[in-house]
PDB file of N, CA and C in Angstrom:
ATOM      1  N   MET A   1       1.543 -11.454  -3.853  1.00  0.00           N
ATOM      2  CA  MET A   1       1.481 -10.110  -4.388  1.00  0.00           C
ATOM      3  C   MET A   1       2.063  -9.129  -3.373  1.00  0.00           C
ATOM      4  N   PRO A   2       2.643  -8.070  -3.864  1.00  0.00           N
ATOM      5  CA  PRO A   2       3.244  -7.077  -2.971  1.00  0.00           C
ATOM      6  C   PRO A   2       2.194  -6.307  -2.171  1.00  0.00           C
ATOM      7  N   THR A   3       2.598  -5.927  -0.972  1.00  0.00           N
ATOM      8  CA  THR A   3       1.763  -5.100  -0.109  1.00  0.00           C
ATOM      9  C   THR A   3       2.386  -3.712  -0.066  1.00  0.00           C
ATOM     10  N   TYR A   4       1.592  -2.693  -0.367  1.00  0.00           N
ATOM     11  CA  TYR A   4       2.055  -1.314  -0.366  1.00  0.00           C
ATOM     12  C   TYR A   4       1.418  -0.584   0.803  1.00  0.00           C
ATOM     13  N   THR A   5       2.206   0.200   1.523  1.00  0.00           N
ATOM     14  CA  THR A   5       1.691   0.954   2.663  1.00  0.00           C
ATOM     15  C   THR A   5       1.602   2.426   2.287  1.00  0.00           C
ATOM     16  N   TYR A   6       0.531   3.054   2.770  1.00  0.00           N
ATOM     17  CA  TYR A   6       0.270   4.452   2.471  1.00  0.00           C
ATOM     18  C   TYR A   6      -0.110   5.192   3.746  1.00  0.00           C
ATOM     19  N   GLU A   7       0.078   6.505   3.714  1.00  0.00           N
ATOM     20  CA  GLU A   7      -0.366   7.363   4.798  1.00  0.00           C
ATOM     21  C   GLU A   7      -1.142   8.528   4.201  1.00  0.00           C
ATOM     22  N   CYS A   8      -2.291   8.820   4.794  1.00  0.00           N
ATOM     23  CA  CYS A   8      -3.121   9.934   4.359  1.00  0.00           C
ATOM     24  C   CYS A   8      -2.607  11.205   5.034  1.00  0.00           C
ATOM     25  N   LYS A   9      -2.327  12.214   4.236  1.00  0.00           N
ATOM     26  CA  LYS A   9      -1.833  13.479   4.779  1.00  0.00           C
ATOM     27  C   LYS A   9      -2.961  14.315   5.383  1.00  0.00           C
ATOM     28  N   LYS A  10      -4.203  14.009   5.040  1.00  0.00           N
ATOM     29  CA  LYS A  10      -5.341  14.767   5.568  1.00  0.00           C
ATOM     30  C   LYS A  10      -5.737  14.292   6.964  1.00  0.00           C
ATOM     31  N   CYS A  11      -5.912  12.964   7.138  1.00  0.00           N
ATOM     32  CA  CYS A  11      -6.405  12.461   8.425  1.00  0.00           C
ATOM     33  C   CYS A  11      -5.367  11.657   9.207  1.00  0.00           C
ATOM     34  N   GLY A  12      -4.206  11.357   8.586  1.00  0.00           N
ATOM     35  CA  GLY A  12      -3.160  10.617   9.278  1.00  0.00           C
ATOM     36  C   GLY A  12      -3.342   9.110   9.289  1.00  0.00           C
ATOM     37  N   ASN A  13      -4.358   8.605   8.608  1.00  0.00           N
ATOM     38  CA  ASN A  13      -4.620   7.169   8.559  1.00  0.00           C
ATOM     39  C   ASN A  13      -3.507   6.445   7.809  1.00  0.00           C
ATOM     40  N   GLU A  14      -3.024   5.336   8.368  1.00  0.00           N
ATOM     41  CA  GLU A  14      -2.061   4.478   7.687  1.00  0.00           C
ATOM     42  C   GLU A  14      -2.784   3.211   7.252  1.00  0.00           C
ATOM     43  N   PHE A  15      -2.584   2.816   5.995  1.00  0.00           N
ATOM     44  CA  PHE A  15      -3.284   1.646   5.483  1.00  0.00           C
ATOM     45  C   PHE A  15      -2.417   0.918   4.473  1.00  0.00           C
ATOM     46  N   GLU A  16      -2.788  -0.322   4.183  1.00  0.00           N
ATOM     47  CA  GLU A  16      -2.054  -1.166   3.243  1.00  0.00           C
ATOM     48  C   GLU A  16      -2.961  -1.563   2.084  1.00  0.00           C
ATOM     49  N   LEU A  17      -2.361  -1.686   0.922  1.00  0.00           N
ATOM     50  CA  LEU A  17      -3.052  -2.192  -0.253  1.00  0.00           C
ATOM     51  C   LEU A  17      -2.240  -3.346  -0.821  1.00  0.00           C
ATOM     52  N   VAL A  18      -2.897  -4.442  -1.140  1.00  0.00           N
ATOM     53  CA  VAL A  18      -2.253  -5.587  -1.779  1.00  0.00           C
ATOM     54  C   VAL A  18      -2.582  -5.496  -3.268  1.00  0.00           C
ATOM     55  N   LEU A  19      -1.545  -5.232  -4.061  1.00  0.00           N
ATOM     56  CA  LEU A  19      -1.743  -5.011  -5.492  1.00  0.00           C
ATOM     57  C   LEU A  19      -0.741  -5.819  -6.300  1.00  0.00           C
ATOM     58  N   SER A  20      -1.180  -6.308  -7.442  1.00  0.00           N
ATOM     59  CA  SER A  20      -0.232  -6.928  -8.369  1.00  0.00           C
ATOM     60  C   SER A  20       0.599  -5.799  -8.980  1.00  0.00           C
ATOM     61  N   PHE A  21       1.706  -6.140  -9.615  1.00  0.00           N
ATOM     62  CA  PHE A  21       2.529  -5.117 -10.253  1.00  0.00           C
ATOM     63  C   PHE A  21       1.738  -4.380 -11.330  1.00  0.00           C
ATOM     64  N   ARG A  22       0.912  -5.100 -12.050  1.00  0.00           N
ATOM     65  CA  ARG A  22       0.104  -4.494 -13.105  1.00  0.00           C
ATOM     66  C   ARG A  22      -0.898  -3.502 -12.516  1.00  0.00           C
ATOM     67  N   ASP A  23      -1.578  -3.891 -11.440  1.00  0.00           N
ATOM     68  CA  ASP A  23      -2.538  -2.992 -10.796  1.00  0.00           C
ATOM     69  C   ASP A  23      -1.852  -1.772 -10.186  1.00  0.00           C
ATOM     70  N   TYR A  24      -0.658  -1.967  -9.647  1.00  0.00           N
ATOM     71  CA  TYR A  24       0.075  -0.852  -9.050  1.00  0.00           C
ATOM     72  C   TYR A  24       0.383   0.206 -10.101  1.00  0.00           C
ATOM     73  N   GLU A  25       0.788  -0.224 -11.278  1.00  0.00           N
ATOM     74  CA  GLU A  25       1.120   0.713 -12.352  1.00  0.00           C
ATOM     75  C   GLU A  25      -0.130   1.315 -12.998  1.00  0.00           C
ATOM     76  N   ALA A  26      -1.178   0.530 -13.143  1.00  0.00           N
ATOM     77  CA  ALA A  26      -2.361   0.977 -13.865  1.00  0.00           C
ATOM     78  C   ALA A  26      -3.279   1.868 -13.025  1.00  0.00           C
ATOM     79  N   LYS A  27      -3.434   1.548 -11.751  1.00  0.00           N
ATOM     80  CA  LYS A  27      -4.399   2.262 -10.919  1.00  0.00           C
ATOM     81  C   LYS A  27      -3.711   3.400 -10.172  1.00  0.00           C
ATOM     82  N   LYS A  28      -3.802   4.596 -10.706  1.00  0.00           N
ATOM     83  CA  LYS A  28      -3.156   5.755 -10.101  1.00  0.00           C
ATOM     84  C   LYS A  28      -4.109   6.531  -9.196  1.00  0.00           C
ATOM     85  N   ASP A  29      -5.400   6.244  -9.235  1.00  0.00           N
ATOM     86  CA  ASP A  29      -6.394   6.997  -8.461  1.00  0.00           C
ATOM     87  C   ASP A  29      -6.678   6.283  -7.137  1.00  0.00           C
ATOM     88  N   ARG A  30      -5.735   6.367  -6.215  1.00  0.00           N
ATOM     89  CA  ARG A  30      -5.920   5.735  -4.907  1.00  0.00           C
ATOM     90  C   ARG A  30      -6.439   6.754  -3.916  1.00  0.00           C
ATOM     91  N   ARG A  31      -7.286   6.281  -2.988  1.00  0.00           N
ATOM     92  CA  ARG A  31      -7.884   7.160  -1.986  1.00  0.00           C
ATOM     93  C   ARG A  31      -7.756   6.537  -0.604  1.00  0.00           C
ATOM     94  N   CYS A  32      -7.771   7.391   0.412  1.00  0.00           N
ATOM     95  CA  CYS A  32      -7.761   6.943   1.797  1.00  0.00           C
ATOM     96  C   CYS A  32      -9.094   6.264   2.096  1.00  0.00           C
ATOM     97  N   PRO A  33      -9.079   5.060   2.653  1.00  0.00           N
ATOM     98  CA  PRO A  33     -10.337   4.382   2.972  1.00  0.00           C
ATOM     99  C   PRO A  33     -11.091   5.041   4.129  1.00  0.00           C
ATOM    100  N   ALA A  34     -10.418   5.825   4.956  1.00  0.00           N
ATOM    101  CA  ALA A  34     -11.071   6.459   6.104  1.00  0.00           C
ATOM    102  C   ALA A  34     -11.808   7.744   5.718  1.00  0.00           C
ATOM    103  N   CYS A  35     -11.140   8.622   4.933  1.00  0.00           N
ATOM    104  CA  CYS A  35     -11.756   9.924   4.641  1.00  0.00           C
ATOM    105  C   CYS A  35     -11.999  10.161   3.154  1.00  0.00           C
ATOM    106  N   GLY A  36     -11.447   9.312   2.287  1.00  0.00           N
ATOM    107  CA  GLY A  36     -11.656   9.452   0.848  1.00  0.00           C
ATOM    108  C   GLY A  36     -10.716  10.434   0.165  1.00  0.00           C
ATOM    109  N   SER A  37      -9.748  10.963   0.888  1.00  0.00           N
ATOM    110  CA  SER A  37      -8.819  11.947   0.333  1.00  0.00           C
ATOM    111  C   SER A  37      -7.854  11.288  -0.651  1.00  0.00           C
ATOM    112  N   LYS A  38      -7.472  12.046  -1.686  1.00  0.00           N
ATOM    113  CA  LYS A  38      -6.456  11.591  -2.631  1.00  0.00           C
ATOM    114  C   LYS A  38      -5.061  12.019  -2.183  1.00  0.00           C
ATOM    115  N   ASN A  39      -4.972  12.775  -1.109  1.00  0.00           N
ATOM    116  CA  ASN A  39      -3.701  13.296  -0.613  1.00  0.00           C
ATOM    117  C   ASN A  39      -3.007  12.228   0.239  1.00  0.00           C
ATOM    118  N   ILE A  40      -2.506  11.185  -0.439  1.00  0.00           N
ATOM    119  CA  ILE A  40      -1.833  10.080   0.251  1.00  0.00           C
ATOM    120  C   ILE A  40      -0.419   9.936  -0.295  1.00  0.00           C
ATOM    121  N   VAL A  41       0.467   9.414   0.537  1.00  0.00           N
ATOM    122  CA  VAL A  41       1.845   9.157   0.121  1.00  0.00           C
ATOM    123  C   VAL A  41       2.204   7.723   0.473  1.00  0.00           C
ATOM    124  N   GLN A  42       3.002   7.121  -0.380  1.00  0.00           N
ATOM    125  CA  GLN A  42       3.472   5.762  -0.110  1.00  0.00           C
ATOM    126  C   GLN A  42       4.588   5.844   0.914  1.00  0.00           C
ATOM    127  N   THR A  43       4.567   4.950   1.900  1.00  0.00           N
ATOM    128  CA  THR A  43       5.582   4.935   2.949  1.00  0.00           C
ATOM    129  C   THR A  43       6.433   3.675   2.822  1.00  0.00           C
ATOM    130  N   LEU A  44       7.587   3.709   3.448  1.00  0.00           N
ATOM    131  CA  LEU A  44       8.465   2.540   3.448  1.00  0.00           C
ATOM    132  C   LEU A  44       7.992   1.542   4.482  1.00  0.00           C
ATOM    133  N   ALA A  45       8.103   0.279   4.141  1.00  0.00           N
ATOM    134  CA  ALA A  45       7.693  -0.787   5.052  1.00  0.00           C
ATOM    135  C   ALA A  45       8.745  -1.887   5.006  1.00  0.00           C
ATOM    136  N   PRO A  46       8.887  -2.636   6.082  1.00  0.00           N
ATOM    137  CA  PRO A  46       9.855  -3.739   6.059  1.00  0.00           C
ATOM    138  C   PRO A  46       9.432  -4.801   5.052  1.00  0.00           C
ATOM    139  N   PHE A  47      10.421  -5.442   4.471  1.00  0.00           N
ATOM    140  CA  PHE A  47      10.176  -6.479   3.483  1.00  0.00           C
ATOM    141  C   PHE A  47      10.487  -7.840   4.099  1.00  0.00           C
ATOM    142  N   TYR A  48       9.657  -8.804   3.797  1.00  0.00           N
ATOM    143  CA  TYR A  48       9.955 -10.168   4.203  1.00  0.00           C
ATOM    144  C   TYR A  48       9.511 -11.106   3.102  1.00  0.00           C
ATOM    145  N   ALA A  49      10.207 -12.227   3.003  1.00  0.00           N
ATOM    146  CA  ALA A  49       9.882 -13.217   1.990  1.00  0.00           C
ATOM    147  C   ALA A  49       9.421 -14.482   2.675  1.00  0.00           C
ATOM    148  N   LYS A  50       8.347 -15.030   2.181  1.00  0.00           N
ATOM    149  CA  LYS A  50       7.816 -16.277   2.726  1.00  0.00           C
ATOM    150  C   LYS A  50       8.097 -17.382   1.709  1.00  0.00           C
ATOM    151  N   THR A  51       8.797 -18.411   2.157  1.00  0.00           N
ATOM    152  CA  THR A  51       9.120 -19.522   1.267  1.00  0.00           C
ATOM    153  C   THR A  51       8.548 -20.816   1.852  1.00  0.00           C
ATOM    154  N   SER A  52       8.519 -21.826   1.032  1.00  0.00           N
ATOM    155  CA  SER A  52       7.996 -23.109   1.489  1.00  0.00           C
ATOM    156  C   SER A  52       9.081 -23.992   2.109  1.00  0.00           C
ATOM    157  N   LYS A  53      10.343 -23.602   1.946  1.00  0.00           N
ATOM    158  CA  LYS A  53      11.440 -24.400   2.476  1.00  0.00           C
ATOM    159  C   LYS A  53      11.702 -24.050   3.935  1.00  0.00           C
ATOM    160  N   LYS A  54      12.078 -25.068   4.698  1.00  0.00           N
ATOM    161  CA  LYS A  54      12.439 -24.841   6.097  1.00  0.00           C
ATOM    162  C   LYS A  54      13.865 -24.334   6.171  1.00  0.00           C
ATOM    163  N   SER A  55      14.150 -23.451   7.094  1.00  0.00           N
ATOM    164  CA  SER A  55      15.495 -22.908   7.258  1.00  0.00           C
ATOM    165  C   SER A  55      16.348 -23.830   8.075  1.00  0.00           C
TER     166      SER A  55
END
């Protein structure tokens, strides 16, 4: 499942949420786990793919 990174504009906390695509679209009421603020923005994060094959 994809990992989404967020930053709280109130307290500056950076956190990650692991959500399915369905949960990402359905759950719009996200809050900062540190202060409970809804004033959060999604940030860019590096992408990596994990496969079972050896390189």
